[in-house]
Amino acid sequence: MSALDAYPHRRVLGTRWADNDIYGHVNNVEYYALFDTLINAYLIKEGGLDIHAGDVIGVCAASQCDYHAAIAFPEDVTGGLRVAKLGRSSVTYEIGLATDSGLAATGSFTHVFVDRATRRPAPIEGRLRDALQRLVRD
């Protein structure tokens, strides 16, 4: 059984040489970059989110990370993604990061989708809502 079995979407993310800090492990801020990469790659590929010209964009309203084990370059990291709460204009994700040694971090991230021009909340609709619905945990 994998540490990420409870996450319906998984993606290998990897690490970079520059991710390691002076202590020889991936710096804590890079975990958030991995969260961002995992979420936004899914939204673009599966949800059709047009980050360059779409009428709706996602902005981060909250994020949180619990660290369980160190990650160090050149380890591959697999990210797991699921949706804890899907609202009208917001979504809260749960994320797991794992290496061959097991679960390294868990966290959450809340996006509020807004109109690109007005920055007012916008409903999550169509292909984007369908993609997020597929990740809603039981």
C-alpha atoms as a PDB file:
ATOM      1  CA  MET A   1       0.000   0.000   0.000  1.00  0.00           C
ATOM      2  CA  SER A   2       1.353   3.419  -1.023  1.00  0.00           C
ATOM      3  CA  ALA A   3       1.408   6.462   1.230  1.00  0.00           C
ATOM      4  CA  LEU A   4      -0.573   8.258  -1.481  1.00  0.00           C
ATOM      5  CA  ASP A   5      -3.329   5.707  -2.135  1.00  0.00           C
ATOM      6  CA  ALA A   6      -5.952   8.066  -0.668  1.00  0.00           C
ATOM      7  CA  TYR A   7      -5.137  10.731  -3.281  1.00  0.00           C
ATOM      8  CA  PRO A   8      -6.863  10.171  -6.647  1.00  0.00           C
ATOM      9  CA  HIS A   9      -4.371  12.286  -8.626  1.00  0.00           C
ATOM     10  CA  ARG A  10      -0.630  11.639  -8.425  1.00  0.00           C
ATOM     11  CA  ARG A  11       2.285  13.174 -10.303  1.00  0.00           C
ATOM     12  CA  VAL A  12       6.059  12.780 -10.080  1.00  0.00           C
ATOM     13  CA  LEU A  13       7.538  16.198  -9.328  1.00  0.00           C
ATOM     14  CA  GLY A  14      11.220  15.605  -8.625  1.00  0.00           C
ATOM     15  CA  THR A  15      13.656  17.939  -6.911  1.00  0.00           C
ATOM     16  CA  ARG A  16      16.255  20.371  -8.190  1.00  0.00           C
ATOM     17  CA  TRP A  17      19.829  21.035  -7.112  1.00  0.00           C
ATOM     18  CA  ALA A  18      18.826  24.557  -6.028  1.00  0.00           C
ATOM     19  CA  ASP A  19      16.078  23.204  -3.738  1.00  0.00           C
ATOM     20  CA  ASN A  20      18.581  22.012  -1.110  1.00  0.00           C
ATOM     21  CA  ASP A  21      19.496  24.474   1.613  1.00  0.00           C
ATOM     22  CA  ILE A  22      22.645  24.761   3.719  1.00  0.00           C
ATOM     23  CA  TYR A  23      21.455  21.854   5.888  1.00  0.00           C
ATOM     24  CA  GLY A  24      21.453  19.495   2.902  1.00  0.00           C
ATOM     25  CA  HIS A  25      17.713  19.016   2.530  1.00  0.00           C
ATOM     26  CA  VAL A  26      14.950  20.675   0.531  1.00  0.00           C
ATOM     27  CA  ASN A  27      14.095  24.013   2.114  1.00  0.00           C
ATOM     28  CA  ASN A  28      10.599  24.355   3.549  1.00  0.00           C
ATOM     29  CA  VAL A  29       9.539  27.029   1.062  1.00  0.00           C
ATOM     30  CA  GLU A  30      10.103  24.561  -1.797  1.00  0.00           C
ATOM     31  CA  TYR A  31       7.371  22.288  -0.442  1.00  0.00           C
ATOM     32  CA  TYR A  32       4.891  25.079  -1.202  1.00  0.00           C
ATOM     33  CA  ALA A  33       6.321  25.380  -4.717  1.00  0.00           C
ATOM     34  CA  LEU A  34       5.711  21.636  -5.145  1.00  0.00           C
ATOM     35  CA  PHE A  35       2.108  22.120  -3.931  1.00  0.00           C
ATOM     36  CA  ASP A  36       1.615  24.944  -6.454  1.00  0.00           C
ATOM     37  CA  THR A  37       3.097  22.888  -9.288  1.00  0.00           C
ATOM     38  CA  LEU A  38       0.954  19.846  -8.511  1.00  0.00           C
ATOM     39  CA  ILE A  39      -2.287  21.817  -8.266  1.00  0.00           C
ATOM     40  CA  ASN A  40      -1.799  24.145 -11.207  1.00  0.00           C
ATOM     41  CA  ALA A  41      -0.564  21.454 -13.600  1.00  0.00           C
ATOM     42  CA  TYR A  42      -3.762  19.532 -12.810  1.00  0.00           C
ATOM     43  CA  LEU A  43      -5.981  22.601 -13.296  1.00  0.00           C
ATOM     44  CA  ILE A  44      -4.360  23.423 -16.633  1.00  0.00           C
ATOM     45  CA  LYS A  45      -4.221  19.890 -18.067  1.00  0.00           C
ATOM     46  CA  GLU A  46      -7.410  18.377 -16.655  1.00  0.00           C
ATOM     47  CA  GLY A  47      -9.556  21.434 -15.951  1.00  0.00           C
ATOM     48  CA  GLY A  48      -8.645  23.526 -18.983  1.00  0.00           C
ATOM     49  CA  LEU A  49      -7.673  26.548 -16.869  1.00  0.00           C
ATOM     50  CA  ASP A  50      -6.228  29.215 -19.182  1.00  0.00           C
ATOM     51  CA  ILE A  51      -3.682  30.944 -16.950  1.00  0.00           C
ATOM     52  CA  HIS A  52      -2.672  33.422 -19.655  1.00  0.00           C
ATOM     53  CA  ALA A  53      -5.952  34.686 -21.101  1.00  0.00           C
ATOM     54  CA  GLY A  54      -8.877  33.047 -19.303  1.00  0.00           C
ATOM     55  CA  ASP A  55     -11.618  35.138 -17.715  1.00  0.00           C
ATOM     56  CA  VAL A  56     -11.197  33.287 -14.401  1.00  0.00           C
ATOM     57  CA  ILE A  57      -8.020  32.776 -12.369  1.00  0.00           C
ATOM     58  CA  GLY A  58      -7.310  31.049  -9.058  1.00  0.00           C
ATOM     59  CA  VAL A  59      -5.727  32.983  -6.192  1.00  0.00           C
ATOM     60  CA  CYS A  60      -4.355  31.416  -3.037  1.00  0.00           C
ATOM     61  CA  ALA A  61      -6.413  32.278   0.039  1.00  0.00           C
ATOM     62  CA  ALA A  62      -4.660  29.931   2.486  1.00  0.00           C
ATOM     63  CA  SER A  63      -1.989  27.257   2.580  1.00  0.00           C
ATOM     64  CA  GLN A  64      -0.489  25.033   5.239  1.00  0.00           C
ATOM     65  CA  CYS A  65       2.149  22.292   5.428  1.00  0.00           C
ATOM     66  CA  ASP A  66       3.093  19.633   7.981  1.00  0.00           C
ATOM     67  CA  TYR A  67       6.573  18.190   7.559  1.00  0.00           C
ATOM     68  CA  HIS A  68       7.047  14.485   8.319  1.00  0.00           C
ATOM     69  CA  ALA A  69      10.455  13.664   6.815  1.00  0.00           C
ATOM     70  CA  ALA A  70      13.242  15.442   4.974  1.00  0.00           C
ATOM     71  CA  ILE A  71      13.513  15.426   1.197  1.00  0.00           C
ATOM     72  CA  ALA A  72      16.864  16.026  -0.510  1.00  0.00           C
ATOM     73  CA  PHE A  73      18.026  16.427  -4.083  1.00  0.00           C
ATOM     74  CA  PRO A  74      18.180  14.237  -6.198  1.00  0.00           C
ATOM     75  CA  GLU A  75      15.148  12.402  -4.785  1.00  0.00           C
ATOM     76  CA  ASP A  76      12.012  12.091  -6.843  1.00  0.00           C
ATOM     77  CA  VAL A  77       8.925  13.351  -5.076  1.00  0.00           C
ATOM     78  CA  THR A  78       5.450  12.136  -5.921  1.00  0.00           C
ATOM     79  CA  GLY A  79       2.633  14.518  -5.146  1.00  0.00           C
ATOM     80  CA  GLY A  80      -0.857  13.314  -4.334  1.00  0.00           C
ATOM     81  CA  LEU A  81      -3.865  15.588  -4.724  1.00  0.00           C
ATOM     82  CA  ARG A  82      -7.484  15.412  -3.572  1.00  0.00           C
ATOM     83  CA  VAL A  83     -10.266  17.909  -2.895  1.00  0.00           C
ATOM     84  CA  ALA A  84     -11.507  18.266   0.681  1.00  0.00           C
ATOM     85  CA  LYS A  85     -14.146  20.923  -0.079  1.00  0.00           C
ATOM     86  CA  LEU A  86     -15.557  22.208  -3.350  1.00  0.00           C
ATOM     87  CA  GLY A  87     -17.623  25.362  -3.052  1.00  0.00           C
ATOM     88  CA  ARG A  88     -19.239  27.743  -5.521  1.00  0.00           C
ATOM     89  CA  SER A  89     -16.071  29.787  -6.121  1.00  0.00           C
ATOM     90  CA  SER A  90     -13.480  28.153  -3.890  1.00  0.00           C
ATOM     91  CA  VAL A  91     -11.791  24.808  -3.458  1.00  0.00           C
ATOM     92  CA  THR A  92      -9.665  23.390  -0.660  1.00  0.00           C
ATOM     93  CA  TYR A  93      -7.154  20.768  -1.698  1.00  0.00           C
ATOM     94  CA  GLU A  94      -5.296  18.253   0.424  1.00  0.00           C
ATOM     95  CA  ILE A  95      -1.802  17.394  -0.732  1.00  0.00           C
ATOM     96  CA  GLY A  96       0.638  14.628   0.133  1.00  0.00           C
ATOM     97  CA  LEU A  97       4.300  14.543  -0.868  1.00  0.00           C
ATOM     98  CA  ALA A  98       6.097  11.195  -0.765  1.00  0.00           C
ATOM     99  CA  THR A  99       9.471   9.711  -1.644  1.00  0.00           C
ATOM    100  CA  ASP A 100      10.529   6.084  -1.810  1.00  0.00           C
ATOM    101  CA  SER A 101      10.988   6.314   1.974  1.00  0.00           C
ATOM    102  CA  GLY A 102       7.330   7.249   2.577  1.00  0.00           C
ATOM    103  CA  LEU A 103       5.233  10.299   3.303  1.00  0.00           C
ATOM    104  CA  ALA A 104       7.377  13.437   3.636  1.00  0.00           C
ATOM    105  CA  ALA A 105       4.716  16.149   3.965  1.00  0.00           C
ATOM    106  CA  THR A 106       0.986  16.764   4.001  1.00  0.00           C
ATOM    107  CA  GLY A 107      -0.810  20.043   3.607  1.00  0.00           C
ATOM    108  CA  SER A 108      -3.746  22.020   2.362  1.00  0.00           C
ATOM    109  CA  PHE A 109      -4.220  24.830  -0.117  1.00  0.00           C
ATOM    110  CA  THR A 110      -7.328  26.922  -0.781  1.00  0.00           C
ATOM    111  CA  HIS A 111      -7.947  28.590  -4.125  1.00  0.00           C
ATOM    112  CA  VAL A 112     -10.607  31.233  -4.642  1.00  0.00           C
ATOM    113  CA  PHE A 113     -11.482  31.630  -8.289  1.00  0.00           C
ATOM    114  CA  VAL A 114     -11.970  35.226  -9.323  1.00  0.00           C
ATOM    115  CA  ASP A 115     -12.747  37.251 -12.404  1.00  0.00           C
ATOM    116  CA  ARG A 116      -9.396  38.237 -13.918  1.00  0.00           C
ATOM    117  CA  ALA A 117     -10.438  41.879 -14.439  1.00  0.00           C
ATOM    118  CA  THR A 118     -12.457  42.655 -11.300  1.00  0.00           C
ATOM    119  CA  ARG A 119     -10.867  40.176  -8.846  1.00  0.00           C
ATOM    120  CA  ARG A 120     -14.369  39.404  -7.570  1.00  0.00           C
ATOM    121  CA  PRO A 121     -15.272  35.750  -6.821  1.00  0.00           C
ATOM    122  CA  ALA A 122     -16.374  33.812  -9.886  1.00  0.00           C
ATOM    123  CA  PRO A 123     -18.212  30.484  -9.983  1.00  0.00           C
ATOM    124  CA  ILE A 124     -16.267  27.312 -10.753  1.00  0.00           C
ATOM    125  CA  GLU A 125     -18.002  25.912 -13.819  1.00  0.00           C
ATOM    126  CA  GLY A 126     -17.769  23.494 -16.717  1.00  0.00           C
ATOM    127  CA  ARG A 127     -14.635  21.475 -17.355  1.00  0.00           C
ATOM    128  CA  LEU A 128     -12.861  22.986 -14.342  1.00  0.00           C
ATOM    129  CA  ARG A 129     -15.637  21.971 -11.930  1.00  0.00           C
ATOM    130  CA  ASP A 130     -15.779  18.497 -13.488  1.00  0.00           C
ATOM    131  CA  ALA A 131     -12.018  18.034 -13.005  1.00  0.00           C
ATOM    132  CA  LEU A 132     -12.200  19.159  -9.375  1.00  0.00           C
ATOM    133  CA  GLN A 133     -15.247  16.998  -8.699  1.00  0.00           C
ATOM    134  CA  ARG A 134     -13.233  13.930  -9.738  1.00  0.00           C
ATOM    135  CA  LEU A 135     -10.833  14.646  -6.858  1.00  0.00           C
ATOM    136  CA  VAL A 136     -13.423  15.069  -4.099  1.00  0.00           C
ATOM    137  CA  ARG A 137     -12.565  12.653  -1.313  1.00  0.00           C
ATOM    138  CA  ASP A 138     -15.206  10.302   0.009  1.00  0.00           C
END
